[in-house]
């Protein structure tokens, strides 16, 4: 069945004022839902990238702490070897004592190197945690935006069914907050309602 646009417009003009109001309300609802769906899609892409960076930061942190422990063990073994060599060197004289001192110097270098590398790894692991926390901050913003916009879309669906205009204006409240939180994540605004995030976590 073909639909004549001119006939549709004519029918709309002949419709009762209540029908025209309902049509305009449904059109407003449809446009709002389309805008919200587009915005949610953009935020979803950004949020997925943030989650990937969080996973990478977590993996890097675990790797760096594992290497830190390995360096720590090597340092402790080197220190224990130094103690044993020093004790053994006490009863040695001449060439043997010189050889022990050379060995002690080598192990002291090893211990110092492991200590330095261990501290570097500690710094990297702590930076990984900071990167994770920063990404998690943004992830919370997108999660809250997603939840608020989902509530708004649910209210808009009820609005389309009931044609209650006050429901549409009520739906704009979570819509506004949802878009604000999404923009905070996209633009790096330091907005983070901690109490609400803790409640939802």
N, C-alpha and C. Protein backbone atom coordinates (compact mmCIF):
# COMPACT_ATOMS: atom_id res chain seq x y z
N UNK A 1 0.86 -1.20 0.00
CA UNK A 1 0.00 0.00 0.00
C UNK A 1 0.88 1.24 0.00
N UNK A 2 0.68 2.11 -1.01
CA UNK A 2 1.47 3.33 -1.11
C UNK A 2 0.89 4.41 -0.19
N UNK A 3 1.81 5.18 0.43
CA UNK A 3 1.39 6.27 1.31
C UNK A 3 1.69 7.58 0.62
N UNK A 4 0.66 8.37 0.47
CA UNK A 4 0.81 9.68 -0.17
C UNK A 4 1.16 10.71 0.92
N UNK A 5 2.36 11.33 0.86
CA UNK A 5 2.75 12.31 1.87
C UNK A 5 1.77 13.46 1.98
N UNK A 6 1.23 13.91 0.84
CA UNK A 6 0.29 15.03 0.88
C UNK A 6 -1.00 14.64 1.60
N UNK A 7 -1.39 13.38 1.38
CA UNK A 7 -2.60 12.90 2.05
C UNK A 7 -2.37 12.79 3.55
N UNK A 8 -1.16 12.35 3.94
CA UNK A 8 -0.82 12.23 5.36
C UNK A 8 -0.85 13.59 6.03
N UNK A 9 -0.28 14.60 5.36
CA UNK A 9 -0.29 15.96 5.90
C UNK A 9 -1.72 16.47 6.00
N UNK A 10 -2.51 16.18 4.99
CA UNK A 10 -3.90 16.62 5.01
C UNK A 10 -4.66 15.98 6.17
N UNK A 11 -4.41 14.68 6.37
CA UNK A 11 -5.06 13.98 7.48
C UNK A 11 -4.65 14.57 8.81
N UNK A 12 -3.37 14.95 8.92
CA UNK A 12 -2.86 15.53 10.15
C UNK A 12 -3.52 16.88 10.42
N UNK A 13 -3.72 17.65 9.34
CA UNK A 13 -4.36 18.95 9.49
C UNK A 13 -5.82 18.81 9.92
N UNK A 14 -6.44 17.70 9.45
CA UNK A 14 -7.83 17.47 9.81
C UNK A 14 -7.98 16.82 11.18
N UNK A 15 -6.86 16.33 11.73
CA UNK A 15 -6.91 15.61 13.01
C UNK A 15 -7.30 16.56 14.13
N UNK A 16 -7.78 15.96 15.20
CA UNK A 16 -8.17 16.73 16.38
C UNK A 16 -6.92 17.33 17.02
N UNK A 17 -7.09 18.43 17.77
CA UNK A 17 -5.93 19.04 18.44
C UNK A 17 -5.18 18.06 19.33
N UNK A 18 -5.90 17.17 20.02
CA UNK A 18 -5.25 16.17 20.88
C UNK A 18 -4.38 15.21 20.10
N UNK A 19 -4.87 14.82 18.89
CA UNK A 19 -4.09 13.92 18.05
C UNK A 19 -2.81 14.60 17.55
N UNK A 20 -2.94 15.89 17.20
CA UNK A 20 -1.76 16.62 16.73
C UNK A 20 -0.74 16.77 17.85
N UNK A 21 -1.21 17.01 19.07
CA UNK A 21 -0.30 17.14 20.21
C UNK A 21 0.41 15.82 20.48
N UNK A 22 -0.35 14.71 20.36
CA UNK A 22 0.26 13.39 20.57
C UNK A 22 1.30 13.10 19.50
N UNK A 23 0.99 13.51 18.25
CA UNK A 23 1.94 13.30 17.16
C UNK A 23 3.23 14.09 17.40
N UNK A 24 3.07 15.36 17.81
CA UNK A 24 4.25 16.18 18.08
C UNK A 24 5.06 15.61 19.24
N UNK A 25 4.36 15.13 20.26
CA UNK A 25 5.07 14.53 21.41
C UNK A 25 5.85 13.30 20.98
N UNK A 26 5.20 12.45 20.17
CA UNK A 26 5.89 11.24 19.69
C UNK A 26 7.10 11.59 18.82
N UNK A 27 6.95 12.67 18.04
CA UNK A 27 8.08 13.11 17.21
C UNK A 27 9.23 13.60 18.10
N UNK A 28 8.90 14.34 19.16
CA UNK A 28 9.92 14.79 20.11
C UNK A 28 10.62 13.61 20.77
N UNK A 29 9.82 12.62 21.17
CA UNK A 29 10.37 11.41 21.80
C UNK A 29 11.32 10.70 20.85
N UNK A 30 10.91 10.55 19.58
CA UNK A 30 11.73 9.84 18.60
C UNK A 30 13.05 10.56 18.37
N UNK A 31 12.99 11.88 18.24
CA UNK A 31 14.22 12.66 18.01
C UNK A 31 15.15 12.55 19.23
N UNK A 32 14.57 12.66 20.43
CA UNK A 32 15.38 12.58 21.65
C UNK A 32 16.05 11.22 21.79
N UNK A 33 15.27 10.16 21.51
CA UNK A 33 15.84 8.80 21.60
C UNK A 33 16.95 8.62 20.58
N UNK A 34 16.77 9.15 19.36
CA UNK A 34 17.81 9.04 18.33
C UNK A 34 19.09 9.75 18.77
N UNK A 35 18.94 10.93 19.35
CA UNK A 35 20.11 11.68 19.83
C UNK A 35 20.81 10.93 20.95
N UNK A 36 20.02 10.40 21.88
CA UNK A 36 20.60 9.67 23.01
C UNK A 36 21.30 8.39 22.56
N UNK A 37 20.70 7.68 21.60
CA UNK A 37 21.31 6.45 21.10
C UNK A 37 22.65 6.75 20.41
N UNK A 38 22.69 7.84 19.65
CA UNK A 38 23.94 8.24 18.99
C UNK A 38 25.00 8.60 20.02
N UNK A 39 24.60 9.37 21.02
CA UNK A 39 25.54 9.78 22.07
C UNK A 39 26.05 8.56 22.85
N UNK A 40 25.13 7.61 23.15
CA UNK A 40 25.55 6.39 23.85
C UNK A 40 26.55 5.59 23.03
N UNK A 41 26.33 5.56 21.71
CA UNK A 41 27.26 4.84 20.83
C UNK A 41 28.66 5.42 20.86
N UNK A 42 28.73 6.75 20.82
CA UNK A 42 30.04 7.43 20.88
C UNK A 42 30.72 7.14 22.22
N UNK A 43 29.96 7.26 23.30
CA UNK A 43 30.52 6.99 24.63
C UNK A 43 30.96 5.54 24.78
N UNK A 44 30.21 4.63 24.15
CA UNK A 44 30.53 3.20 24.24
C UNK A 44 31.88 2.90 23.61
N UNK A 45 32.14 3.52 22.45
CA UNK A 45 33.44 3.32 21.78
C UNK A 45 34.58 3.79 22.69
N UNK A 46 34.42 4.99 23.25
CA UNK A 46 35.45 5.55 24.13
C UNK A 46 35.61 4.70 25.38
N UNK A 47 34.49 4.25 25.95
CA UNK A 47 34.53 3.44 27.17
C UNK A 47 35.22 2.10 26.93
N UNK A 48 34.96 1.48 25.78
CA UNK A 48 35.62 0.21 25.45
C UNK A 48 37.13 0.39 25.35
N UNK A 49 37.57 1.50 24.76
CA UNK A 49 39.01 1.78 24.67
C UNK A 49 39.61 1.98 26.06
N UNK A 50 38.85 2.64 26.95
CA UNK A 50 39.32 2.86 28.31
C UNK A 50 39.44 1.54 29.06
N UNK A 51 38.47 0.66 28.88
CA UNK A 51 38.52 -0.66 29.54
C UNK A 51 39.74 -1.44 29.07
N UNK A 52 40.05 -1.35 27.77
CA UNK A 52 41.24 -2.03 27.25
C UNK A 52 42.51 -1.46 27.88
N UNK A 53 42.56 -0.14 28.04
CA UNK A 53 43.74 0.48 28.66
C UNK A 53 43.84 0.09 30.13
N UNK A 54 42.69 -0.07 30.80
CA UNK A 54 42.70 -0.53 32.20
C UNK A 54 43.26 -1.95 32.30
N UNK A 55 42.83 -2.81 31.38
CA UNK A 55 43.33 -4.19 31.37
C UNK A 55 44.83 -4.22 31.11
N UNK A 56 45.29 -3.37 30.19
CA UNK A 56 46.72 -3.31 29.89
C UNK A 56 47.51 -2.79 31.09
N UNK A 57 46.99 -1.76 31.75
CA UNK A 57 47.67 -1.22 32.93
C UNK A 57 47.74 -2.25 34.05
N UNK A 58 46.65 -3.01 34.21
CA UNK A 58 46.63 -4.05 35.25
C UNK A 58 47.65 -5.14 34.94
N UNK A 59 47.71 -5.55 33.67
CA UNK A 59 48.68 -6.59 33.27
C UNK A 59 50.11 -6.08 33.46
N UNK A 60 50.36 -4.82 33.07
CA UNK A 60 51.70 -4.24 33.24
C UNK A 60 52.09 -4.18 34.71
N UNK A 61 51.13 -3.81 35.56
CA UNK A 61 51.41 -3.72 36.99
C UNK A 61 51.80 -5.08 37.55
N UNK A 62 51.05 -6.12 37.19
CA UNK A 62 51.36 -7.46 37.68
C UNK A 62 52.73 -7.93 37.19
N UNK A 63 53.03 -7.63 35.92
CA UNK A 63 54.35 -8.00 35.37
C UNK A 63 55.48 -7.28 36.11
N UNK A 64 55.29 -5.98 36.33
CA UNK A 64 56.34 -5.21 36.98
C UNK A 64 56.55 -5.65 38.43
N UNK A 65 55.46 -5.97 39.14
CA UNK A 65 55.63 -6.45 40.52
C UNK A 65 56.28 -7.84 40.54
N UNK A 66 55.98 -8.67 39.54
CA UNK A 66 56.61 -9.99 39.46
C UNK A 66 58.12 -9.84 39.22
N UNK A 67 58.49 -8.94 38.30
CA UNK A 67 59.91 -8.69 38.06
C UNK A 67 60.57 -8.05 39.29
N UNK A 68 59.83 -7.22 40.00
CA UNK A 68 60.33 -6.61 41.23
C UNK A 68 60.69 -7.70 42.25
N UNK A 69 59.80 -8.67 42.40
CA UNK A 69 60.08 -9.76 43.34
C UNK A 69 61.29 -10.58 42.90
N UNK A 70 61.41 -10.79 41.59
CA UNK A 70 62.57 -11.54 41.08
C UNK A 70 63.86 -10.78 41.36
N UNK A 71 63.85 -9.47 41.13
CA UNK A 71 65.03 -8.64 41.42
C UNK A 71 65.34 -8.65 42.92
N UNK A 72 64.30 -8.63 43.72
CA UNK A 72 64.48 -8.64 45.17
C UNK A 72 65.14 -9.94 45.63
N UNK A 73 64.70 -11.05 45.06
CA UNK A 73 65.31 -12.35 45.40
C UNK A 73 66.77 -12.37 44.99
N UNK A 74 67.06 -11.87 43.78
CA UNK A 74 68.45 -11.84 43.31
C UNK A 74 69.32 -10.97 44.23
N UNK A 75 68.77 -9.85 44.65
CA UNK A 75 69.51 -8.96 45.55
C UNK A 75 69.80 -9.66 46.88
N UNK A 76 68.79 -10.34 47.43
CA UNK A 76 68.98 -11.02 48.71
C UNK A 76 69.99 -12.17 48.60
N UNK A 77 69.95 -12.89 47.48
CA UNK A 77 70.92 -13.97 47.27
C UNK A 77 72.33 -13.39 47.18
N UNK A 78 72.47 -12.27 46.46
CA UNK A 78 73.78 -11.63 46.34
C UNK A 78 74.28 -11.15 47.70
N UNK A 79 73.40 -10.58 48.52
CA UNK A 79 73.79 -10.11 49.85
C UNK A 79 74.20 -11.27 50.75
N UNK A 80 73.44 -12.36 50.64
CA UNK A 80 73.78 -13.54 51.44
C UNK A 80 75.13 -14.10 51.01
N UNK A 81 75.40 -14.09 49.72
CA UNK A 81 76.68 -14.58 49.21
C UNK A 81 77.82 -13.68 49.69
N UNK A 82 77.60 -12.37 49.73
CA UNK A 82 78.61 -11.43 50.23
C UNK A 82 78.97 -11.75 51.68
N UNK A 83 77.95 -12.00 52.49
CA UNK A 83 78.19 -12.33 53.90
C UNK A 83 79.03 -13.59 54.02
N UNK A 84 78.68 -14.63 53.24
CA UNK A 84 79.43 -15.89 53.29
C UNK A 84 80.87 -15.68 52.84
N UNK A 85 81.06 -14.89 51.79
CA UNK A 85 82.41 -14.65 51.30
C UNK A 85 83.24 -13.86 52.31
N UNK A 86 82.62 -12.89 52.96
CA UNK A 86 83.35 -12.10 53.95
C UNK A 86 83.76 -12.97 55.14
N UNK A 87 82.87 -13.84 55.55
CA UNK A 87 83.21 -14.73 56.66
C UNK A 87 84.33 -15.69 56.26
N UNK A 88 84.26 -16.19 55.03
CA UNK A 88 85.30 -17.11 54.56
C UNK A 88 86.63 -16.40 54.36
N UNK A 89 86.58 -15.11 53.98
CA UNK A 89 87.80 -14.35 53.71
C UNK A 89 88.57 -14.04 54.99
N UNK A 90 87.89 -14.09 56.13
CA UNK A 90 88.55 -13.76 57.39
C UNK A 90 89.69 -14.73 57.72
N UNK A 91 89.56 -15.96 57.25
CA UNK A 91 90.60 -16.95 57.56
C UNK A 91 91.59 -17.13 56.41
N UNK A 92 91.52 -16.28 55.42
CA UNK A 92 92.40 -16.41 54.26
C UNK A 92 93.45 -15.28 54.29
N UNK A 93 94.60 -15.58 53.67
CA UNK A 93 95.66 -14.59 53.57
C UNK A 93 96.24 -14.59 52.16
N UNK A 94 96.95 -13.54 51.85
CA UNK A 94 97.68 -13.48 50.58
C UNK A 94 96.76 -13.48 49.37
N UNK A 95 97.10 -14.34 48.40
CA UNK A 95 96.39 -14.41 47.12
C UNK A 95 94.94 -14.84 47.31
N UNK A 96 94.71 -15.77 48.27
CA UNK A 96 93.34 -16.22 48.51
C UNK A 96 92.47 -15.07 49.02
N UNK A 97 93.01 -14.28 49.94
CA UNK A 97 92.26 -13.14 50.48
C UNK A 97 91.94 -12.14 49.37
N UNK A 98 92.89 -11.91 48.47
CA UNK A 98 92.67 -10.99 47.35
C UNK A 98 91.56 -11.51 46.44
N UNK A 99 91.56 -12.83 46.18
CA UNK A 99 90.53 -13.44 45.33
C UNK A 99 89.15 -13.31 45.97
N UNK A 100 89.10 -13.49 47.28
CA UNK A 100 87.82 -13.33 47.99
C UNK A 100 87.33 -11.89 47.91
N UNK A 101 88.24 -10.93 48.07
CA UNK A 101 87.85 -9.53 48.00
C UNK A 101 87.32 -9.17 46.61
N UNK A 102 87.95 -9.73 45.58
CA UNK A 102 87.47 -9.50 44.21
C UNK A 102 86.06 -10.06 44.02
N UNK A 103 85.84 -11.29 44.56
CA UNK A 103 84.52 -11.91 44.46
C UNK A 103 83.47 -11.10 45.23
N UNK A 104 83.88 -10.63 46.42
CA UNK A 104 82.97 -9.80 47.22
C UNK A 104 82.59 -8.53 46.47
N UNK A 105 83.57 -7.90 45.83
CA UNK A 105 83.31 -6.67 45.06
C UNK A 105 82.34 -6.94 43.91
N UNK A 106 82.50 -8.10 43.24
CA UNK A 106 81.60 -8.46 42.14
C UNK A 106 80.17 -8.62 42.63
N UNK A 107 80.01 -9.31 43.75
CA UNK A 107 78.65 -9.55 44.28
C UNK A 107 78.03 -8.26 44.85
N UNK A 108 78.88 -7.37 45.33
CA UNK A 108 78.35 -6.07 45.79
C UNK A 108 77.82 -5.26 44.60
N UNK A 109 78.50 -5.37 43.46
CA UNK A 109 78.00 -4.71 42.24
C UNK A 109 76.66 -5.32 41.80
N UNK A 110 76.60 -6.65 41.88
CA UNK A 110 75.36 -7.34 41.50
C UNK A 110 74.22 -6.91 42.41
N UNK A 111 74.48 -6.88 43.72
CA UNK A 111 73.45 -6.49 44.68
C UNK A 111 72.99 -5.05 44.44
N UNK A 112 73.96 -4.15 44.17
CA UNK A 112 73.61 -2.75 43.92
C UNK A 112 72.80 -2.60 42.63
N UNK A 113 73.18 -3.35 41.59
CA UNK A 113 72.46 -3.30 40.33
C UNK A 113 71.03 -3.81 40.49
N UNK A 114 70.87 -4.94 41.21
CA UNK A 114 69.53 -5.49 41.42
C UNK A 114 68.66 -4.53 42.24
N UNK A 115 69.28 -3.87 43.22
CA UNK A 115 68.54 -2.90 44.04
C UNK A 115 68.06 -1.73 43.19
N UNK A 116 68.93 -1.24 42.29
CA UNK A 116 68.57 -0.12 41.42
C UNK A 116 67.43 -0.52 40.46
N UNK A 117 67.59 -1.68 39.83
CA UNK A 117 66.58 -2.14 38.89
C UNK A 117 65.26 -2.45 39.60
N UNK A 118 65.37 -2.94 40.85
CA UNK A 118 64.17 -3.23 41.63
C UNK A 118 63.37 -1.95 41.90
N UNK A 119 64.09 -0.88 42.24
CA UNK A 119 63.41 0.39 42.51
C UNK A 119 62.78 0.97 41.24
N UNK A 120 63.45 0.77 40.09
CA UNK A 120 62.86 1.21 38.83
C UNK A 120 61.55 0.48 38.56
N UNK A 121 61.54 -0.83 38.80
CA UNK A 121 60.34 -1.63 38.59
C UNK A 121 59.23 -1.22 39.56
N UNK A 122 59.61 -0.89 40.78
CA UNK A 122 58.61 -0.43 41.76
C UNK A 122 57.95 0.86 41.27
N UNK A 123 58.77 1.78 40.75
CA UNK A 123 58.24 3.03 40.22
C UNK A 123 57.31 2.79 39.03
N UNK A 124 57.67 1.84 38.16
CA UNK A 124 56.82 1.53 37.01
C UNK A 124 55.50 0.90 37.46
N UNK A 125 55.56 0.01 38.45
CA UNK A 125 54.34 -0.63 38.96
C UNK A 125 53.41 0.40 39.60
N UNK A 126 54.00 1.33 40.34
CA UNK A 126 53.18 2.38 40.96
C UNK A 126 52.56 3.30 39.90
N UNK A 127 53.30 3.57 38.82
CA UNK A 127 52.74 4.37 37.72
C UNK A 127 51.62 3.62 37.02
N UNK A 128 51.79 2.30 36.87
CA UNK A 128 50.73 1.48 36.27
C UNK A 128 49.45 1.59 37.09
N UNK A 129 49.58 1.59 38.43
CA UNK A 129 48.41 1.71 39.29
C UNK A 129 47.75 3.08 39.11
N UNK A 130 48.56 4.12 38.98
CA UNK A 130 48.01 5.47 38.74
C UNK A 130 47.28 5.53 37.41
N UNK A 131 47.86 4.89 36.37
CA UNK A 131 47.21 4.86 35.06
C UNK A 131 45.88 4.12 35.14
N UNK A 132 45.87 3.02 35.89
CA UNK A 132 44.63 2.24 36.06
C UNK A 132 43.57 3.07 36.78
N UNK A 133 43.97 3.75 37.85
CA UNK A 133 43.01 4.57 38.61
C UNK A 133 42.44 5.70 37.77
N UNK A 134 43.30 6.33 36.96
CA UNK A 134 42.84 7.42 36.09
C UNK A 134 41.85 6.91 35.05
N UNK A 135 42.13 5.73 34.48
CA UNK A 135 41.21 5.15 33.50
C UNK A 135 39.91 4.71 34.17
N UNK A 136 40.02 4.18 35.39
CA UNK A 136 38.83 3.74 36.12
C UNK A 136 37.93 4.93 36.45
N UNK A 137 38.54 6.07 36.72
CA UNK A 137 37.79 7.30 36.99
C UNK A 137 36.88 7.64 35.81
N UNK A 138 37.44 7.58 34.60
CA UNK A 138 36.66 7.86 33.39
C UNK A 138 35.64 6.76 33.13
N UNK A 139 36.03 5.51 33.40
CA UNK A 139 35.10 4.40 33.19
C UNK A 139 33.86 4.56 34.06
N UNK A 140 34.04 5.01 35.29
CA UNK A 140 32.90 5.27 36.19
C UNK A 140 31.98 6.33 35.60
N UNK A 141 32.57 7.36 35.01
CA UNK A 141 31.77 8.43 34.41
C UNK A 141 30.89 7.88 33.27
N UNK A 142 31.50 7.05 32.42
CA UNK A 142 30.74 6.48 31.31
C UNK A 142 29.68 5.49 31.80
N UNK A 143 30.00 4.71 32.84
CA UNK A 143 29.02 3.76 33.38
C UNK A 143 27.81 4.51 33.93
N UNK A 144 28.06 5.61 34.65
CA UNK A 144 26.95 6.38 35.20
C UNK A 144 26.15 7.05 34.08
N UNK A 145 26.83 7.55 33.06
CA UNK A 145 26.15 8.13 31.90
C UNK A 145 25.25 7.10 31.23
N UNK A 146 25.77 5.89 31.06
CA UNK A 146 25.02 4.81 30.42
C UNK A 146 23.76 4.49 31.22
N UNK A 147 23.90 4.40 32.54
CA UNK A 147 22.76 4.07 33.40
C UNK A 147 21.69 5.17 33.34
N UNK A 148 22.11 6.42 33.41
CA UNK A 148 21.16 7.54 33.39
C UNK A 148 20.43 7.64 32.05
N UNK A 149 21.16 7.43 30.96
CA UNK A 149 20.53 7.52 29.64
C UNK A 149 19.57 6.34 29.44
N UNK A 150 19.92 5.17 29.98
CA UNK A 150 19.01 4.01 29.89
C UNK A 150 17.70 4.31 30.63
N UNK A 151 17.79 4.95 31.79
CA UNK A 151 16.59 5.36 32.53
C UNK A 151 15.78 6.34 31.70
N UNK A 152 16.47 7.30 31.10
CA UNK A 152 15.79 8.31 30.28
C UNK A 152 15.06 7.66 29.11
N UNK A 153 15.70 6.72 28.43
CA UNK A 153 15.07 6.05 27.29
C UNK A 153 13.85 5.25 27.74
N UNK A 154 13.94 4.62 28.92
CA UNK A 154 12.78 3.89 29.45
C UNK A 154 11.61 4.84 29.69
N UNK A 155 11.88 5.99 30.28
CA UNK A 155 10.83 6.99 30.52
C UNK A 155 10.25 7.51 29.20
N UNK A 156 11.10 7.67 28.20
CA UNK A 156 10.63 8.13 26.90
C UNK A 156 9.74 7.09 26.22
N UNK A 157 10.07 5.82 26.43
CA UNK A 157 9.22 4.75 25.88
C UNK A 157 7.83 4.79 26.50
N UNK A 158 7.79 4.98 27.82
CA UNK A 158 6.49 5.10 28.50
C UNK A 158 5.76 6.36 28.02
N UNK A 159 6.50 7.43 27.78
CA UNK A 159 5.90 8.67 27.27
C UNK A 159 5.23 8.43 25.92
N UNK A 160 5.91 7.68 25.04
CA UNK A 160 5.35 7.40 23.71
C UNK A 160 4.06 6.58 23.81
N UNK A 161 3.97 5.72 24.81
CA UNK A 161 2.77 4.89 24.99
C UNK A 161 1.62 5.65 25.62
N UNK A 162 1.94 6.47 26.62
CA UNK A 162 0.89 7.13 27.41
C UNK A 162 0.54 8.53 26.93
N UNK A 163 1.44 9.14 26.13
CA UNK A 163 1.27 10.51 25.64
C UNK A 163 1.15 11.52 26.79
N UNK A 164 1.85 11.24 27.89
CA UNK A 164 1.87 12.17 29.02
C UNK A 164 3.08 13.09 28.86
N UNK A 165 2.79 14.36 28.60
CA UNK A 165 3.88 15.30 28.32
C UNK A 165 4.78 15.51 29.52
N UNK A 166 4.23 15.44 30.73
CA UNK A 166 5.05 15.63 31.92
C UNK A 166 6.10 14.54 32.05
N UNK A 167 5.81 13.34 31.53
CA UNK A 167 6.81 12.26 31.54
C UNK A 167 8.00 12.61 30.65
N UNK A 168 7.71 13.26 29.53
CA UNK A 168 8.80 13.67 28.63
C UNK A 168 9.73 14.64 29.34
N UNK A 169 9.14 15.65 30.01
CA UNK A 169 9.98 16.62 30.73
C UNK A 169 10.70 15.96 31.89
N UNK A 170 10.06 14.97 32.51
CA UNK A 170 10.74 14.22 33.57
C UNK A 170 11.91 13.42 33.04
N UNK A 171 11.75 12.87 31.82
CA UNK A 171 12.83 12.08 31.20
C UNK A 171 14.03 12.94 30.87
N UNK A 172 13.82 14.24 30.70
CA UNK A 172 14.93 15.12 30.37
C UNK A 172 15.90 15.32 31.55
N UNK A 173 15.43 15.02 32.78
CA UNK A 173 16.32 15.16 33.94
C UNK A 173 17.45 14.14 33.89
N UNK A 174 17.15 12.80 33.81
CA UNK A 174 18.27 11.86 33.65
C UNK A 174 18.99 12.03 32.32
N UNK A 175 18.26 12.53 31.30
CA UNK A 175 18.92 12.79 30.01
C UNK A 175 20.04 13.83 30.18
N UNK A 176 19.72 14.93 30.86
CA UNK A 176 20.71 15.98 31.07
C UNK A 176 21.91 15.51 31.87
N UNK A 177 21.62 14.81 32.98
CA UNK A 177 22.73 14.31 33.81
C UNK A 177 23.54 13.25 33.07
N UNK A 178 22.85 12.40 32.28
CA UNK A 178 23.56 11.36 31.53
C UNK A 178 24.49 11.95 30.48
N UNK A 179 24.01 12.96 29.76
CA UNK A 179 24.85 13.62 28.76
C UNK A 179 26.01 14.36 29.43
N UNK A 180 25.73 14.98 30.59
CA UNK A 180 26.78 15.70 31.31
C UNK A 180 27.89 14.74 31.75
N UNK A 181 27.50 13.56 32.29
CA UNK A 181 28.52 12.60 32.73
C UNK A 181 29.28 12.03 31.53
N UNK A 182 28.57 11.82 30.41
CA UNK A 182 29.25 11.33 29.21
C UNK A 182 30.25 12.35 28.67
N UNK A 183 29.85 13.61 28.66
CA UNK A 183 30.78 14.66 28.23
C UNK A 183 31.96 14.79 29.19
N UNK A 184 31.71 14.55 30.48
CA UNK A 184 32.81 14.59 31.46
C UNK A 184 33.85 13.54 31.13
N UNK A 185 33.39 12.35 30.73
CA UNK A 185 34.33 11.30 30.34
C UNK A 185 35.03 11.61 29.03
N UNK A 186 34.29 12.14 28.07
CA UNK A 186 34.87 12.43 26.75
C UNK A 186 35.86 13.59 26.79
N UNK A 187 35.54 14.61 27.61
CA UNK A 187 36.36 15.83 27.62
C UNK A 187 37.32 15.90 28.81
N UNK A 188 37.32 14.88 29.67
CA UNK A 188 38.27 14.84 30.77
C UNK A 188 37.93 15.76 31.93
N UNK A 189 36.63 16.04 32.12
CA UNK A 189 36.24 16.88 33.25
C UNK A 189 36.35 16.07 34.54
N UNK A 190 36.81 16.70 35.61
CA UNK A 190 37.01 16.01 36.89
C UNK A 190 35.71 15.99 37.70
N UNK A 191 34.69 15.34 37.14
CA UNK A 191 33.40 15.21 37.82
C UNK A 191 33.22 13.74 38.17
N UNK A 192 33.08 13.46 39.46
CA UNK A 192 33.00 12.06 39.90
C UNK A 192 32.17 12.00 41.19
N UNK A 193 30.84 11.77 41.07
CA UNK A 193 30.00 11.67 42.27
C UNK A 193 30.33 10.40 43.07
N UNK A 194 31.31 10.52 43.97
CA UNK A 194 31.84 9.35 44.67
C UNK A 194 30.78 8.56 45.41
N UNK A 195 29.88 9.24 46.12
CA UNK A 195 28.88 8.52 46.91
C UNK A 195 27.97 7.69 46.01
N UNK A 196 27.57 8.25 44.86
CA UNK A 196 26.71 7.52 43.93
C UNK A 196 27.47 6.38 43.27
N UNK A 197 28.73 6.61 42.93
CA UNK A 197 29.55 5.54 42.33
C UNK A 197 29.72 4.39 43.32
N UNK A 198 29.99 4.72 44.60
CA UNK A 198 30.14 3.67 45.62
C UNK A 198 28.84 2.89 45.79
N UNK A 199 27.71 3.57 45.71
CA UNK A 199 26.41 2.93 45.85
C UNK A 199 26.18 1.93 44.73
N UNK A 200 26.62 2.28 43.52
CA UNK A 200 26.40 1.42 42.35
C UNK A 200 27.49 0.37 42.18
N UNK A 201 28.61 0.51 42.89
CA UNK A 201 29.73 -0.43 42.72
C UNK A 201 29.46 -1.73 43.47
